[in-house]
Amino acid sequence: ASASDFSAAVTWTTDEAATSVMDFGTTASYGSSASVFGFVQSHSVPLSPLAPATTYHYRVASADPSGNGPTQSTDATFATAAAAPPVIAGIPSATGITGTSTVVAWMTDEPSTSEVQYGTTPSYGSAASSAGSAAAHSVALSGLTPETLYHYRALSSDACSNGPTYSSDGTFTTGPAAMDLSGWVLKQYAS
């Protein structure tokens, strides 16, 4: 079994295709069960949400398509890790900078939320976010003022509400204002 602070995956193999069923709980009486549909030889049953820093008992069971079984394992245990917020790798980067927009990107060690605080001072003042949960984050910032220095930092929280983790402060300078050429006519004269 491999476990994080709020989830685990129990894996096992069988000598023929079979079902993937398991009982689990905080005592050897179990109390909960989980399964994955289908007949396979390499089994993996994900468990979530689990309590952090907790020992869980489990046993697995498999039956073949002919109805033989289920064959059950003996009792085993795994422990979830202590609750921990996501870790942000390095300073998030601002890319694709124009006069009025940029994209801030960063990575975390686990799926988590994506939010960026930004502004013209280290007090920020504005925020933008992307929906969902990911380990590779990307948040677009728009409506920025051309040729202006901006401060920004990324924030991420995991699915168990651990966090937010804040990145260190980063800066970028927006580019010049775009020139509107609509309505202009370009003429070429021969000499």
Protein backbone atom coordinates (compact mmCIF):
# COMPACT_ATOMS: atom_id res chain seq x y z
CA ALA A 1 0.00 0.00 0.00
CA SER A 2 1.19 3.52 -0.75
CA ALA A 3 -0.31 6.39 1.25
CA SER A 4 -0.30 10.19 1.39
CA ASP A 5 -1.86 12.40 4.06
CA PHE A 6 -5.45 11.76 2.92
CA SER A 7 -5.39 8.97 0.35
CA ALA A 8 -3.88 5.57 -0.37
CA ALA A 9 -3.73 2.96 -3.12
CA VAL A 10 -3.60 -0.76 -2.29
CA THR A 11 -2.09 -2.95 -5.00
CA TRP A 12 -1.73 -6.72 -5.46
CA THR A 13 -1.45 -9.32 -8.22
CA THR A 14 -3.28 -12.57 -8.90
CA ASP A 15 -2.27 -15.51 -11.11
CA GLU A 16 -5.37 -15.04 -13.28
CA ALA A 17 -7.83 -12.26 -14.09
CA ALA A 18 -10.01 -11.61 -11.05
CA THR A 19 -12.07 -8.97 -9.24
CA SER A 20 -10.52 -6.24 -7.06
CA VAL A 21 -12.27 -5.90 -3.69
CA MET A 22 -10.95 -4.78 -0.32
CA ASP A 23 -12.17 -4.19 3.22
CA PHE A 24 -10.50 -1.46 5.29
CA GLY A 25 -10.87 0.50 8.51
CA THR A 26 -9.05 1.71 11.61
CA THR A 27 -9.46 -1.71 13.28
CA ALA A 28 -9.24 -5.32 12.08
CA SER A 29 -13.07 -5.29 12.03
CA TYR A 30 -12.70 -3.01 8.95
CA GLY A 31 -16.12 -1.37 8.48
CA SER A 32 -15.61 -0.03 4.95
CA SER A 33 -15.07 -1.60 1.56
CA ALA A 34 -13.89 -0.44 -1.85
CA SER A 35 -13.63 -2.09 -5.23
CA VAL A 36 -12.70 -1.49 -8.85
CA PHE A 37 -14.87 -2.92 -11.62
CA GLY A 38 -13.46 -5.57 -13.96
CA PHE A 39 -11.25 -8.64 -14.04
CA VAL A 40 -7.48 -7.98 -13.97
CA GLN A 41 -4.26 -9.60 -12.75
CA SER A 42 -2.64 -6.36 -11.51
CA HIS A 43 -5.01 -4.81 -8.98
CA SER A 44 -5.03 -1.27 -7.60
CA VAL A 45 -7.80 0.13 -5.38
CA PRO A 46 -7.65 3.86 -4.54
CA LEU A 47 -8.94 5.06 -1.16
CA SER A 48 -9.90 8.67 -0.46
CA PRO A 49 -10.58 10.61 1.69
CA LEU A 50 -8.72 9.13 4.65
CA ALA A 51 -7.75 10.73 7.96
CA PRO A 52 -4.14 11.98 8.17
CA ALA A 53 -1.65 10.33 10.55
CA THR A 54 -3.87 7.26 10.98
CA THR A 55 -3.16 3.53 10.82
CA TYR A 56 -5.60 1.56 8.65
CA HIS A 57 -6.16 -2.21 8.54
CA TYR A 58 -7.06 -3.84 5.23
CA ARG A 59 -7.51 -7.15 3.46
CA VAL A 60 -7.96 -7.79 -0.25
CA ALA A 61 -10.15 -10.34 -1.98
CA SER A 62 -10.38 -11.58 -5.56
CA ALA A 63 -12.68 -13.97 -7.43
CA ASP A 64 -12.22 -15.19 -11.01
CA PRO A 65 -14.88 -14.88 -13.77
CA SER A 66 -15.93 -18.52 -13.19
CA GLY A 67 -16.98 -17.67 -9.64
CA ASN A 68 -14.03 -19.33 -7.88
CA GLY A 69 -13.31 -17.44 -4.68
CA PRO A 70 -13.16 -14.93 -3.36
CA THR A 71 -9.70 -15.65 -2.03
CA GLN A 72 -8.82 -13.26 0.82
CA SER A 73 -5.48 -12.01 2.08
CA THR A 74 -4.58 -11.84 5.75
CA ASP A 75 -4.91 -8.57 7.66
CA ALA A 76 -2.30 -5.91 6.79
CA THR A 77 -1.84 -2.25 7.71
CA PHE A 78 -0.68 1.07 6.27
CA ALA A 79 -0.45 4.52 7.82
CA THR A 80 -1.36 7.83 6.23
CA ALA A 81 1.13 10.67 6.54
CA ALA A 82 0.67 13.66 8.80
CA ALA A 83 -1.41 16.42 7.21
CA ALA A 84 0.80 18.53 4.96
CA PRO A 85 0.07 21.35 2.54
CA PRO A 86 1.30 21.14 -1.06
CA VAL A 87 4.90 22.16 -1.79
CA ILE A 88 5.41 24.82 -4.49
CA ALA A 89 8.55 24.13 -6.53
CA GLY A 90 10.66 27.28 -6.90
CA ILE A 91 9.35 30.70 -7.86
CA PRO A 92 6.41 30.63 -10.27
CA SER A 93 7.20 32.09 -13.70
CA ALA A 94 5.41 34.84 -15.61
CA THR A 95 5.39 34.03 -19.32
CA GLY A 96 3.83 35.45 -22.48
CA ILE A 97 4.02 38.97 -21.05
CA THR A 98 2.24 41.64 -23.14
CA GLY A 99 1.24 45.21 -22.33
CA THR A 100 -1.94 44.05 -20.57
CA SER A 101 -1.60 40.35 -19.72
CA THR A 102 0.61 37.46 -18.67
CA VAL A 103 0.32 33.82 -17.56
CA VAL A 104 1.77 32.69 -14.22
CA ALA A 105 2.78 29.02 -14.08
CA TRP A 106 4.12 26.76 -11.28
CA MET A 107 4.28 23.16 -10.10
CA THR A 108 3.22 21.51 -6.82
CA ASP A 109 4.01 18.07 -5.41
CA GLU A 110 0.32 17.08 -5.33
CA PRO A 111 -2.93 18.16 -7.03
CA SER A 112 -4.04 21.46 -5.51
CA THR A 113 -5.84 24.73 -6.22
CA SER A 114 -4.42 27.52 -8.42
CA GLU A 115 -4.53 31.15 -7.29
CA VAL A 116 -2.29 34.15 -7.95
CA GLN A 117 -2.22 37.36 -5.92
CA TYR A 118 -0.74 40.31 -7.82
CA GLY A 119 -0.40 44.09 -7.77
CA THR A 120 2.00 47.00 -8.13
CA THR A 121 3.30 46.55 -4.55
CA PRO A 122 4.22 43.49 -2.43
CA SER A 123 0.81 43.96 -0.74
CA TYR A 124 -0.73 42.72 -4.05
CA GLY A 125 -4.40 43.80 -3.97
CA SER A 126 -5.75 41.69 -6.86
CA ALA A 127 -6.26 37.96 -7.32
CA ALA A 128 -7.00 35.53 -10.16
CA SER A 129 -7.52 31.77 -10.14
CA SER A 130 -8.14 28.71 -12.31
CA ALA A 131 -10.85 26.15 -11.55
CA GLY A 132 -10.09 22.61 -10.51
CA SER A 133 -7.13 20.87 -8.95
CA ALA A 134 -3.78 20.17 -10.64
CA ALA A 135 -0.06 19.65 -10.02
CA ALA A 136 0.84 21.80 -13.06
CA HIS A 137 -0.72 25.23 -12.55
CA SER A 138 -1.41 28.08 -14.98
CA VAL A 139 -3.34 31.28 -14.20
CA ALA A 140 -3.93 34.08 -16.74
CA LEU A 141 -3.75 37.68 -15.54
CA SER A 142 -5.43 40.32 -17.70
CA GLY A 143 -6.38 44.00 -17.55
CA LEU A 144 -2.84 44.98 -16.56
CA THR A 145 -1.37 48.45 -17.10
CA PRO A 146 1.34 48.66 -19.84
CA GLU A 147 4.97 49.31 -18.87
CA THR A 148 4.31 48.66 -15.16
CA LEU A 149 6.22 46.59 -12.59
CA TYR A 150 3.97 43.97 -10.93
CA HIS A 151 4.57 41.78 -7.88
CA TYR A 152 2.94 38.34 -7.72
CA ARG A 153 2.82 35.14 -5.67
CA ALA A 154 1.11 31.77 -6.15
CA LEU A 155 -1.14 30.06 -3.58
CA SER A 156 -2.14 26.38 -3.51
CA SER A 157 -4.25 24.21 -1.13
CA ASP A 158 -4.80 20.46 -1.48
CA ALA A 159 -8.10 18.55 -1.57
CA CYS A 160 -8.04 18.15 2.24
CA SER A 161 -7.80 21.94 2.69
CA ASN A 162 -4.16 21.75 3.77
CA GLY A 163 -2.71 25.15 2.93
CA PRO A 164 -2.64 27.51 1.34
CA THR A 165 1.06 27.37 0.62
CA TYR A 166 2.44 30.70 -0.61
CA SER A 167 5.31 31.05 -3.07
CA SER A 168 7.90 33.74 -2.58
CA ASP A 169 7.35 37.10 -4.26
CA GLY A 170 8.11 37.36 -7.97
CA THR A 171 8.05 40.36 -10.31
CA PHE A 172 7.49 41.09 -13.99
CA THR A 173 7.14 44.26 -16.06
CA THR A 174 4.40 44.51 -18.64
CA GLY A 175 5.31 45.48 -22.21
CA PRO A 176 4.35 48.63 -24.09
CA ALA A 177 0.76 49.34 -25.03
CA ALA A 178 -0.32 47.74 -28.29
CA MET A 179 -0.86 50.13 -31.16
CA ASP A 180 -4.31 49.95 -32.72
CA LEU A 181 -3.80 49.92 -36.49
CA SER A 182 -7.43 49.33 -37.39
CA GLY A 183 -8.64 51.85 -39.96
CA TRP A 184 -5.11 52.64 -41.15
CA VAL A 185 -4.32 52.34 -44.83
CA LEU A 186 -0.82 51.51 -46.01
CA LYS A 187 0.05 52.89 -49.43
CA GLN A 188 3.14 52.28 -51.46
CA TYR A 189 4.33 54.84 -54.02
CA ALA A 190 6.64 54.14 -56.89
CA SER A 191 9.35 56.71 -57.43
